[in-house]
Structures are given as structure tokens and as C-alpha cells.
């Protein structure tokens, strides 16, 4: 499961999807992290943090996190501390095959789908009844499903094949903030 670090969401995920791994959305985390540094330094800090996600292997991702934490520490200790504490939450994606990383480390696809639903329902404004709302939203969801199945596959069959050479996926539970 991928979400922001909202306590209620994390608790619900841990309860309803017991045993599922949880990934903190990197986009939401970056927004939270950048509030800890001056506006003038935000582009530099954002670039540094993005280098963590550009590494080719799980080991290198974790090593880069440590390097970035060390580099931020002298100038931005609060941001460095926040990054270090969130390490396991924002790097949970590394327990999956690298072909899945881009789909797992952010909940932007869900955000885009929600935005499209809002855009379509805003056009109508007031619905005559609940079934009318369900029909419209159902049509949007069916359209997205078809897009993911036929067009841009969210996870391709080749990437979904289990690779026996990879270590068993680690189960991570949301940590209390």
C-alpha cells in the first residue's frame, strides 16, 4: 500500500490489510520535507533527495539515503533528521523488483484518477440521484481500467513474474510518527 503518512490511513491500512507492506508516498514526503528548509534551498534539497530514488539497486538506494542525510545534517539538521527517521517508510519500495519501483513509490496514479473523477463530476454539478453518480464514476473507473489493461499497463506481465533470485519481500508495518 502506498499513501501519505496520515495517521488514520496508516492505522486503517495496518488493520484492514494486515501483513501488507506500506510505502510512504515520495511526493507527499518531499512536500513535507521541503517545509523544513528555507525556500531558497528547496531546489537544492529536492535534487539531493531525488538522487536517492535514481539508484539502480536496493543497496545503493539505502547507501545514497545515508549520504544525503549526512550532507544535509550540517546546514539543515531538522530536514536531515526527518529524512533519517522516514528512511524505512520511504524506501519500502526497495523490497520489490526494481521494475515495480516507479509504480510503488508514489500514489500519483491514484491522485490523477481522483482528479479525473473530480473534473468529470464538476461538469455535472448537481446529480439527480445516487445511481447517476455511480454510473458516471463507474464509467470513469471502467475507462481507466481499460487503459491500464490494454494501453499503458500499470504492471506488465513480464515485470510481475516473481524473480527467485531476489530476497523475499520484507513486510513493513507503518511506524508511529
N, C-alpha and C. Protein backbone atom coordinates (compact mmCIF):
# COMPACT_ATOMS: atom_id res chain seq x y z
N UNK A 1 0.85 -1.17 0.00
CA UNK A 1 0.00 0.00 0.00
C UNK A 1 0.89 1.23 0.00
N UNK A 2 0.49 2.22 -0.77
CA UNK A 2 1.23 3.47 -0.82
C UNK A 2 0.28 4.59 -0.45
N UNK A 3 0.69 5.45 0.47
CA UNK A 3 -0.15 6.58 0.87
C UNK A 3 0.74 7.64 1.50
N UNK A 4 0.10 8.75 1.86
CA UNK A 4 0.84 9.73 2.64
C UNK A 4 0.88 9.21 4.09
N UNK A 5 1.50 9.94 4.97
CA UNK A 5 1.71 9.45 6.33
C UNK A 5 0.58 9.83 7.28
N UNK A 6 -0.61 10.04 6.77
CA UNK A 6 -1.75 10.37 7.62
C UNK A 6 -1.97 9.22 8.60
N UNK A 7 -1.99 9.53 9.88
CA UNK A 7 -2.06 8.51 10.92
C UNK A 7 -3.28 7.60 10.76
N UNK A 8 -4.44 8.18 10.45
CA UNK A 8 -5.65 7.38 10.28
C UNK A 8 -5.54 6.41 9.11
N UNK A 9 -4.96 6.87 8.00
CA UNK A 9 -4.74 5.99 6.85
C UNK A 9 -3.80 4.86 7.21
N UNK A 10 -2.72 5.18 7.86
CA UNK A 10 -1.75 4.15 8.23
C UNK A 10 -2.36 3.12 9.16
N UNK A 11 -3.13 3.57 10.13
CA UNK A 11 -3.79 2.64 11.04
C UNK A 11 -4.80 1.76 10.31
N UNK A 12 -5.56 2.36 9.39
CA UNK A 12 -6.55 1.60 8.63
C UNK A 12 -5.86 0.56 7.74
N UNK A 13 -4.77 0.94 7.10
CA UNK A 13 -4.03 0.01 6.25
C UNK A 13 -3.52 -1.16 7.08
N UNK A 14 -2.95 -0.88 8.23
CA UNK A 14 -2.42 -1.93 9.09
C UNK A 14 -3.52 -2.86 9.59
N UNK A 15 -4.73 -2.31 9.81
CA UNK A 15 -5.84 -3.12 10.30
C UNK A 15 -6.49 -3.92 9.19
N UNK A 16 -6.84 -3.28 8.10
CA UNK A 16 -7.58 -3.93 7.02
C UNK A 16 -6.69 -4.82 6.16
N UNK A 17 -5.47 -4.38 5.92
CA UNK A 17 -4.54 -5.14 5.08
C UNK A 17 -3.38 -5.66 5.92
N UNK A 18 -3.72 -6.40 6.96
CA UNK A 18 -2.71 -6.92 7.88
C UNK A 18 -1.65 -7.70 7.12
N UNK A 19 -0.40 -7.38 7.40
CA UNK A 19 0.71 -8.07 6.75
C UNK A 19 1.17 -7.43 5.46
N UNK A 20 0.43 -6.45 4.96
CA UNK A 20 0.83 -5.77 3.71
C UNK A 20 1.95 -4.79 4.01
N UNK A 21 2.81 -4.60 3.04
CA UNK A 21 3.86 -3.60 3.23
C UNK A 21 3.27 -2.22 2.97
N UNK A 22 3.87 -1.21 3.58
CA UNK A 22 3.40 0.16 3.42
C UNK A 22 4.55 1.03 2.94
N UNK A 23 4.28 1.81 1.92
CA UNK A 23 5.25 2.74 1.34
C UNK A 23 4.72 4.15 1.51
N UNK A 24 5.51 5.01 2.09
CA UNK A 24 5.13 6.42 2.18
C UNK A 24 5.35 7.06 0.82
N UNK A 25 4.35 7.75 0.32
CA UNK A 25 4.43 8.38 -0.99
C UNK A 25 5.60 9.36 -1.02
N UNK A 26 6.47 9.18 -1.99
CA UNK A 26 7.66 10.04 -2.06
C UNK A 26 7.30 11.49 -2.38
N UNK A 27 6.24 11.70 -3.15
CA UNK A 27 5.83 13.06 -3.50
C UNK A 27 5.31 13.79 -2.26
N UNK A 28 4.46 13.13 -1.49
CA UNK A 28 3.94 13.74 -0.26
C UNK A 28 5.08 13.97 0.75
N UNK A 29 5.99 13.00 0.84
CA UNK A 29 7.11 13.16 1.77
C UNK A 29 7.97 14.36 1.38
N UNK A 30 8.24 14.49 0.09
CA UNK A 30 9.09 15.60 -0.38
C UNK A 30 8.44 16.93 -0.01
N UNK A 31 7.14 17.04 -0.18
CA UNK A 31 6.43 18.27 0.19
C UNK A 31 6.62 18.56 1.67
N UNK A 32 6.48 17.53 2.51
CA UNK A 32 6.65 17.71 3.95
C UNK A 32 8.09 18.07 4.30
N UNK A 33 9.05 17.42 3.65
CA UNK A 33 10.46 17.66 3.93
C UNK A 33 10.87 19.09 3.58
N UNK A 34 10.39 19.57 2.44
CA UNK A 34 10.81 20.90 1.98
C UNK A 34 10.29 22.03 2.87
N UNK A 35 9.29 21.74 3.71
CA UNK A 35 8.84 22.77 4.66
C UNK A 35 9.86 22.99 5.77
N UNK A 36 10.84 22.09 5.86
CA UNK A 36 11.85 22.17 6.92
C UNK A 36 13.10 22.95 6.50
N UNK A 37 13.12 23.41 5.25
CA UNK A 37 14.29 24.16 4.78
C UNK A 37 13.84 25.50 4.21
N UNK A 38 14.72 26.51 4.18
CA UNK A 38 14.35 27.80 3.61
C UNK A 38 13.99 27.65 2.13
N UNK A 39 13.13 28.52 1.66
CA UNK A 39 12.67 28.47 0.27
C UNK A 39 13.83 28.53 -0.72
N UNK A 40 14.83 29.30 -0.41
CA UNK A 40 15.98 29.43 -1.32
C UNK A 40 16.76 28.12 -1.47
N UNK A 41 16.71 27.25 -0.47
CA UNK A 41 17.46 25.99 -0.51
C UNK A 41 16.60 24.82 -0.99
N UNK A 42 15.32 25.03 -1.18
CA UNK A 42 14.44 23.91 -1.53
C UNK A 42 14.82 23.21 -2.83
N UNK A 43 15.16 23.93 -3.91
CA UNK A 43 15.56 23.20 -5.13
C UNK A 43 16.78 22.30 -4.93
N UNK A 44 17.76 22.79 -4.19
CA UNK A 44 18.96 22.00 -3.92
C UNK A 44 18.64 20.76 -3.10
N UNK A 45 17.85 20.93 -2.04
CA UNK A 45 17.49 19.80 -1.18
C UNK A 45 16.65 18.79 -1.97
N UNK A 46 15.71 19.27 -2.77
CA UNK A 46 14.87 18.38 -3.57
C UNK A 46 15.73 17.57 -4.54
N UNK A 47 16.70 18.19 -5.15
CA UNK A 47 17.60 17.50 -6.08
C UNK A 47 18.40 16.43 -5.33
N UNK A 48 18.89 16.78 -4.16
CA UNK A 48 19.65 15.81 -3.35
C UNK A 48 18.79 14.60 -3.00
N UNK A 49 17.57 14.83 -2.57
CA UNK A 49 16.70 13.73 -2.16
C UNK A 49 16.31 12.88 -3.37
N UNK A 50 16.10 13.51 -4.52
CA UNK A 50 15.75 12.74 -5.73
C UNK A 50 16.85 11.76 -6.13
N UNK A 51 18.10 12.08 -5.80
CA UNK A 51 19.19 11.16 -6.15
C UNK A 51 19.05 9.82 -5.45
N UNK A 52 18.36 9.81 -4.33
CA UNK A 52 18.13 8.55 -3.61
C UNK A 52 17.35 7.58 -4.50
N UNK A 53 16.34 8.09 -5.17
CA UNK A 53 15.46 7.24 -5.98
C UNK A 53 16.06 6.89 -7.35
N UNK A 54 17.17 7.50 -7.71
CA UNK A 54 17.77 7.26 -9.02
C UNK A 54 18.81 6.15 -9.00
N UNK A 55 18.97 5.50 -7.88
CA UNK A 55 19.98 4.45 -7.77
C UNK A 55 19.45 3.14 -8.36
N UNK A 56 20.33 2.32 -8.95
CA UNK A 56 19.89 1.12 -9.66
C UNK A 56 19.58 -0.09 -8.78
N UNK A 57 20.08 -0.13 -7.56
CA UNK A 57 19.83 -1.31 -6.71
C UNK A 57 19.39 -0.87 -5.32
N UNK A 58 18.78 -1.80 -4.60
CA UNK A 58 18.29 -1.51 -3.25
C UNK A 58 19.43 -1.09 -2.33
N UNK A 59 20.56 -1.77 -2.43
CA UNK A 59 21.70 -1.44 -1.57
C UNK A 59 22.17 -0.01 -1.83
N UNK A 60 22.25 0.36 -3.10
CA UNK A 60 22.70 1.70 -3.45
C UNK A 60 21.68 2.77 -3.04
N UNK A 61 20.40 2.44 -3.09
CA UNK A 61 19.36 3.37 -2.63
C UNK A 61 19.56 3.66 -1.15
N UNK A 62 19.76 2.62 -0.36
CA UNK A 62 19.94 2.80 1.09
C UNK A 62 21.25 3.55 1.40
N UNK A 63 22.30 3.24 0.65
CA UNK A 63 23.57 3.96 0.84
C UNK A 63 23.43 5.43 0.49
N UNK A 64 22.72 5.71 -0.59
CA UNK A 64 22.53 7.10 -1.00
C UNK A 64 21.71 7.86 0.03
N UNK A 65 20.72 7.20 0.63
CA UNK A 65 19.95 7.85 1.70
C UNK A 65 20.89 8.28 2.81
N UNK A 66 21.78 7.39 3.23
CA UNK A 66 22.73 7.73 4.30
C UNK A 66 23.62 8.90 3.90
N UNK A 67 24.09 8.92 2.66
CA UNK A 67 24.95 10.02 2.19
C UNK A 67 24.19 11.35 2.19
N UNK A 68 22.94 11.32 1.73
CA UNK A 68 22.14 12.56 1.68
C UNK A 68 21.86 13.06 3.09
N UNK A 69 21.53 12.15 4.00
CA UNK A 69 21.31 12.55 5.40
C UNK A 69 22.56 13.23 5.94
N UNK A 70 23.73 12.65 5.68
CA UNK A 70 24.99 13.23 6.15
C UNK A 70 25.25 14.60 5.52
N UNK A 71 24.94 14.75 4.23
CA UNK A 71 25.18 16.03 3.55
C UNK A 71 24.22 17.13 4.03
N UNK A 72 23.00 16.75 4.37
CA UNK A 72 22.03 17.75 4.84
C UNK A 72 22.25 18.14 6.29
N UNK A 73 22.84 17.25 7.05
CA UNK A 73 22.96 17.44 8.50
C UNK A 73 23.58 18.76 8.94
N UNK A 74 24.70 19.21 8.39
CA UNK A 74 25.30 20.46 8.88
C UNK A 74 24.42 21.70 8.64
N UNK A 75 23.82 21.81 7.47
CA UNK A 75 23.04 23.01 7.13
C UNK A 75 21.58 22.93 7.54
N UNK A 76 21.00 21.74 7.43
CA UNK A 76 19.57 21.56 7.69
C UNK A 76 19.33 20.36 8.59
N UNK A 77 19.68 20.48 9.87
CA UNK A 77 19.57 19.32 10.77
C UNK A 77 18.14 18.80 10.94
N UNK A 78 17.17 19.69 10.90
CA UNK A 78 15.78 19.25 11.05
C UNK A 78 15.35 18.40 9.85
N UNK A 79 15.70 18.83 8.65
CA UNK A 79 15.37 18.07 7.44
C UNK A 79 16.14 16.76 7.41
N UNK A 80 17.40 16.80 7.81
CA UNK A 80 18.22 15.60 7.86
C UNK A 80 17.64 14.56 8.82
N UNK A 81 17.23 15.03 9.97
CA UNK A 81 16.62 14.15 10.97
C UNK A 81 15.31 13.54 10.45
N UNK A 82 14.49 14.37 9.82
CA UNK A 82 13.22 13.89 9.27
C UNK A 82 13.46 12.82 8.21
N UNK A 83 14.45 13.06 7.34
CA UNK A 83 14.78 12.11 6.28
C UNK A 83 15.28 10.80 6.87
N UNK A 84 16.13 10.86 7.87
CA UNK A 84 16.66 9.66 8.51
C UNK A 84 15.55 8.85 9.17
N UNK A 85 14.66 9.54 9.87
CA UNK A 85 13.56 8.86 10.57
C UNK A 85 12.57 8.21 9.60
N UNK A 86 12.38 8.83 8.44
CA UNK A 86 11.41 8.31 7.46
C UNK A 86 12.04 7.29 6.52
N UNK A 87 13.31 6.99 6.68
CA UNK A 87 14.02 6.11 5.76
C UNK A 87 13.30 4.81 5.45
N UNK A 88 12.89 4.08 6.48
CA UNK A 88 12.24 2.79 6.22
C UNK A 88 10.90 2.96 5.52
N UNK A 89 10.21 4.05 5.83
CA UNK A 89 8.90 4.30 5.21
C UNK A 89 9.00 4.69 3.74
N UNK A 90 9.99 5.52 3.41
CA UNK A 90 10.09 5.99 2.02
C UNK A 90 10.89 5.04 1.13
N UNK A 91 11.56 4.06 1.74
CA UNK A 91 12.34 3.11 0.96
C UNK A 91 11.76 1.69 0.98
N UNK A 92 10.54 1.55 1.40
CA UNK A 92 9.90 0.23 1.42
C UNK A 92 9.81 -0.37 0.02
N UNK A 93 9.78 0.48 -1.00
CA UNK A 93 9.70 0.01 -2.39
C UNK A 93 10.88 -0.88 -2.78
N UNK A 94 12.01 -0.75 -2.08
CA UNK A 94 13.20 -1.50 -2.46
C UNK A 94 13.07 -3.00 -2.21
N UNK A 95 12.04 -3.41 -1.49
CA UNK A 95 11.84 -4.85 -1.27
C UNK A 95 11.09 -5.50 -2.43
N UNK A 96 10.71 -4.71 -3.42
CA UNK A 96 10.02 -5.21 -4.61
C UNK A 96 11.02 -5.26 -5.78
N UNK A 97 10.67 -6.00 -6.83
CA UNK A 97 11.54 -5.98 -8.02
C UNK A 97 11.69 -4.56 -8.54
N UNK A 98 12.87 -4.22 -9.02
CA UNK A 98 13.14 -2.85 -9.46
C UNK A 98 12.20 -2.40 -10.59
N UNK A 99 11.67 -3.33 -11.36
CA UNK A 99 10.73 -2.97 -12.43
C UNK A 99 9.44 -2.38 -11.87
N UNK A 100 9.14 -2.63 -10.61
CA UNK A 100 7.91 -2.13 -9.98
C UNK A 100 8.12 -0.84 -9.20
N UNK A 101 9.34 -0.43 -9.00
CA UNK A 101 9.63 0.70 -8.13
C UNK A 101 8.82 1.94 -8.47
N UNK A 102 8.76 2.32 -9.73
CA UNK A 102 8.07 3.56 -10.11
C UNK A 102 6.58 3.49 -9.83
N UNK A 103 6.00 2.30 -9.84
CA UNK A 103 4.57 2.17 -9.56
C UNK A 103 4.30 2.12 -8.06
N UNK A 104 5.29 1.76 -7.28
CA UNK A 104 5.09 1.56 -5.85
C UNK A 104 5.46 2.77 -5.01
N UNK A 105 6.46 3.55 -5.43
CA UNK A 105 7.00 4.58 -4.54
C UNK A 105 6.15 5.85 -4.45
N UNK A 106 5.09 5.94 -5.19
CA UNK A 106 4.24 7.13 -5.15
C UNK A 106 2.79 6.74 -5.40
N UNK A 107 1.87 7.51 -4.85
CA UNK A 107 0.46 7.25 -5.14
C UNK A 107 -0.08 8.25 -6.16
N UNK A 108 0.78 8.79 -7.01
CA UNK A 108 0.35 9.74 -8.03
C UNK A 108 -0.67 9.17 -9.01
N UNK A 109 -0.58 7.89 -9.42
CA UNK A 109 -1.64 7.36 -10.30
C UNK A 109 -3.03 7.47 -9.66
N UNK A 110 -3.12 7.19 -8.36
CA UNK A 110 -4.40 7.31 -7.65
C UNK A 110 -4.82 8.78 -7.58
N UNK A 111 -3.87 9.66 -7.34
CA UNK A 111 -4.18 11.09 -7.29
C UNK A 111 -4.71 11.58 -8.64
N UNK A 112 -4.09 11.12 -9.74
CA UNK A 112 -4.57 11.51 -11.07
C UNK A 112 -5.97 10.98 -11.34
N UNK A 113 -6.24 9.75 -10.90
CA UNK A 113 -7.57 9.18 -11.08
C UNK A 113 -8.60 9.98 -10.29
N UNK A 114 -8.29 10.33 -9.06
CA UNK A 114 -9.21 11.15 -8.25
C UNK A 114 -9.46 12.51 -8.91
N UNK A 115 -8.41 13.09 -9.47
CA UNK A 115 -8.54 14.39 -10.13
C UNK A 115 -9.46 14.28 -11.35
N UNK A 116 -9.32 13.20 -12.10
CA UNK A 116 -10.18 12.99 -13.27
C UNK A 116 -11.64 12.80 -12.86
N UNK A 117 -11.88 12.07 -11.78
CA UNK A 117 -13.24 11.90 -11.28
C UNK A 117 -13.82 13.25 -10.87
N UNK A 118 -13.03 14.05 -10.15
CA UNK A 118 -13.50 15.40 -9.75
C UNK A 118 -13.81 16.25 -10.97
N UNK A 119 -12.92 16.21 -11.97
CA UNK A 119 -13.13 17.00 -13.18
C UNK A 119 -14.44 16.62 -13.86
N UNK A 120 -14.71 15.33 -13.98
CA UNK A 120 -15.92 14.87 -14.65
C UNK A 120 -17.18 15.17 -13.84
N UNK A 121 -17.11 15.04 -12.51
CA UNK A 121 -18.30 15.30 -11.70
C UNK A 121 -18.56 16.79 -11.55
N UNK A 122 -17.51 17.62 -11.60
CA UNK A 122 -17.71 19.08 -11.52
C UNK A 122 -18.50 19.61 -12.71
N UNK A 123 -18.34 18.97 -13.86
CA UNK A 123 -19.07 19.40 -15.06
C UNK A 123 -20.58 19.24 -14.84
N UNK A 124 -20.95 18.15 -14.19
CA UNK A 124 -22.38 17.88 -13.95
C UNK A 124 -22.91 18.80 -12.86
N UNK A 125 -22.14 19.02 -11.82
CA UNK A 125 -22.57 19.89 -10.73
C UNK A 125 -23.46 19.17 -9.76
N UNK A 126 -24.75 19.16 -10.03
CA UNK A 126 -25.71 18.51 -9.13
C UNK A 126 -26.28 17.29 -9.83
N UNK A 127 -26.17 16.14 -9.17
CA UNK A 127 -26.69 14.89 -9.73
C UNK A 127 -28.13 14.68 -9.27
N UNK A 128 -28.97 14.10 -10.13
CA UNK A 128 -30.37 13.90 -9.76
C UNK A 128 -30.55 12.85 -8.66
N UNK A 129 -29.64 11.86 -8.60
CA UNK A 129 -29.74 10.80 -7.59
C UNK A 129 -28.41 10.05 -7.49
N UNK A 130 -28.32 9.17 -6.48
CA UNK A 130 -27.08 8.41 -6.27
C UNK A 130 -26.72 7.49 -7.44
N UNK A 131 -27.68 6.80 -8.03
CA UNK A 131 -27.32 5.94 -9.17
C UNK A 131 -26.66 6.72 -10.32
N UNK A 132 -27.05 7.97 -10.51
CA UNK A 132 -26.44 8.78 -11.57
C UNK A 132 -24.96 9.04 -11.26
N UNK A 133 -24.65 9.28 -10.00
CA UNK A 133 -23.26 9.48 -9.58
C UNK A 133 -22.47 8.20 -9.80
N UNK A 134 -23.05 7.08 -9.37
CA UNK A 134 -22.38 5.79 -9.53
C UNK A 134 -22.11 5.47 -11.01
N UNK A 135 -23.07 5.78 -11.86
CA UNK A 135 -22.88 5.50 -13.29
C UNK A 135 -21.72 6.30 -13.85
N UNK A 136 -21.66 7.58 -13.53
CA UNK A 136 -20.59 8.43 -14.06
C UNK A 136 -19.23 8.00 -13.52
N UNK A 137 -19.13 7.83 -12.21
CA UNK A 137 -17.85 7.43 -11.61
C UNK A 137 -17.47 6.03 -12.07
N UNK A 138 -18.46 5.14 -12.17
CA UNK A 138 -18.19 3.79 -12.68
C UNK A 138 -17.66 3.81 -14.10
N UNK A 139 -18.19 4.70 -14.93
CA UNK A 139 -17.70 4.82 -16.31
C UNK A 139 -16.26 5.32 -16.33
N UNK A 140 -15.94 6.28 -15.47
CA UNK A 140 -14.56 6.79 -15.40
C UNK A 140 -13.62 5.68 -14.94
N UNK A 141 -14.04 4.91 -13.93
CA UNK A 141 -13.20 3.82 -13.43
C UNK A 141 -13.03 2.72 -14.48
N UNK A 142 -14.11 2.40 -15.20
CA UNK A 142 -14.02 1.39 -16.26
C UNK A 142 -13.08 1.85 -17.37
N UNK A 143 -13.16 3.12 -17.70
CA UNK A 143 -12.27 3.69 -18.72
C UNK A 143 -10.81 3.58 -18.28
N UNK A 144 -10.55 3.90 -17.02
CA UNK A 144 -9.18 3.81 -16.50
C UNK A 144 -8.71 2.36 -16.49
N UNK A 145 -9.60 1.45 -16.09
CA UNK A 145 -9.25 0.04 -16.07
C UNK A 145 -8.86 -0.44 -17.46
N UNK A 146 -9.65 -0.07 -18.46
CA UNK A 146 -9.34 -0.46 -19.83
C UNK A 146 -7.99 0.12 -20.28
N UNK A 147 -7.72 1.35 -19.87
CA UNK A 147 -6.45 1.98 -20.22
C UNK A 147 -5.28 1.19 -19.62
N UNK A 148 -5.42 0.77 -18.36
CA UNK A 148 -4.35 0.03 -17.71
C UNK A 148 -4.21 -1.39 -18.27
N UNK A 149 -5.31 -1.99 -18.70
CA UNK A 149 -5.26 -3.36 -19.23
C UNK A 149 -4.74 -3.38 -20.67
N UNK A 150 -5.25 -2.48 -21.50
CA UNK A 150 -4.94 -2.51 -22.92
C UNK A 150 -3.84 -1.53 -23.30
N UNK A 151 -3.94 -0.31 -22.82
CA UNK A 151 -2.98 0.74 -23.20
C UNK A 151 -1.72 0.67 -22.37
N UNK A 152 -1.57 1.65 -21.49
CA UNK A 152 -0.39 1.69 -20.62
C UNK A 152 -0.63 0.72 -19.47
N UNK A 153 0.07 -0.36 -19.46
CA UNK A 153 -0.09 -1.32 -18.37
C UNK A 153 0.57 -0.75 -17.12
N UNK A 154 -0.14 -0.87 -16.01
CA UNK A 154 0.41 -0.39 -14.75
C UNK A 154 1.57 -1.29 -14.33
N UNK A 155 1.34 -2.59 -14.36
CA UNK A 155 2.39 -3.58 -14.13
C UNK A 155 2.32 -4.56 -15.30
N UNK A 156 3.40 -4.71 -16.03
CA UNK A 156 3.39 -5.61 -17.17
C UNK A 156 3.52 -7.05 -16.70
N UNK A 157 3.02 -8.01 -17.49
CA UNK A 157 3.16 -9.42 -17.09
C UNK A 157 4.62 -9.81 -16.89
N UNK A 158 5.52 -9.28 -17.70
CA UNK A 158 6.94 -9.60 -17.55
C UNK A 158 7.50 -9.11 -16.22
N UNK A 159 7.10 -7.92 -15.81
CA UNK A 159 7.62 -7.38 -14.54
C UNK A 159 6.96 -8.02 -13.34
N UNK A 160 5.77 -8.59 -13.53
CA UNK A 160 5.06 -9.21 -12.41
C UNK A 160 5.53 -10.63 -12.15
N UNK A 161 6.37 -11.18 -13.01
CA UNK A 161 6.89 -12.52 -12.80
C UNK A 161 7.84 -12.49 -11.61
N UNK A 162 7.63 -13.41 -10.70
CA UNK A 162 8.44 -13.45 -9.50
C UNK A 162 9.85 -13.90 -9.83
N UNK A 163 10.84 -13.14 -9.41
CA UNK A 163 12.24 -13.45 -9.64
C UNK A 163 12.79 -14.15 -8.41
N UNK A 164 13.11 -15.43 -8.53
CA UNK A 164 13.56 -16.24 -7.39
C UNK A 164 14.93 -15.80 -6.87
N UNK A 165 15.66 -15.01 -7.64
CA UNK A 165 16.98 -14.57 -7.18
C UNK A 165 16.89 -13.40 -6.21
N UNK A 166 15.73 -12.74 -6.18
CA UNK A 166 15.57 -11.60 -5.27
C UNK A 166 15.28 -12.11 -3.87
N UNK A 167 15.74 -11.38 -2.84
CA UNK A 167 15.40 -11.79 -1.47
C UNK A 167 13.90 -11.64 -1.25
N UNK A 168 13.36 -12.42 -0.33
CA UNK A 168 11.93 -12.36 -0.01
C UNK A 168 11.56 -10.93 0.36
N UNK A 169 10.41 -10.46 -0.13
CA UNK A 169 9.97 -9.09 0.16
C UNK A 169 9.80 -8.92 1.66
N UNK A 170 10.32 -7.84 2.18
CA UNK A 170 10.20 -7.57 3.61
C UNK A 170 8.83 -7.00 3.90
N UNK A 171 8.24 -7.45 4.97
CA UNK A 171 6.94 -6.92 5.38
C UNK A 171 7.21 -5.77 6.34
N UNK A 172 6.74 -4.59 5.97
CA UNK A 172 6.95 -3.43 6.84
C UNK A 172 5.61 -2.92 7.29
N UNK A 173 5.51 -2.65 8.53
CA UNK A 173 4.30 -2.10 9.11
C UNK A 173 4.50 -0.60 9.27
N UNK A 174 3.42 0.17 9.16
CA UNK A 174 3.54 1.61 9.40
C UNK A 174 4.08 1.86 10.80
N UNK A 175 4.99 2.80 10.90
CA UNK A 175 5.54 3.15 12.20
C UNK A 175 4.82 4.38 12.74
N UNK A 176 4.75 4.47 14.03
CA UNK A 176 4.10 5.62 14.65
C UNK A 176 4.97 6.85 14.45
N UNK A 177 4.34 7.97 14.15
CA UNK A 177 5.10 9.22 13.95
C UNK A 177 5.25 9.97 15.24
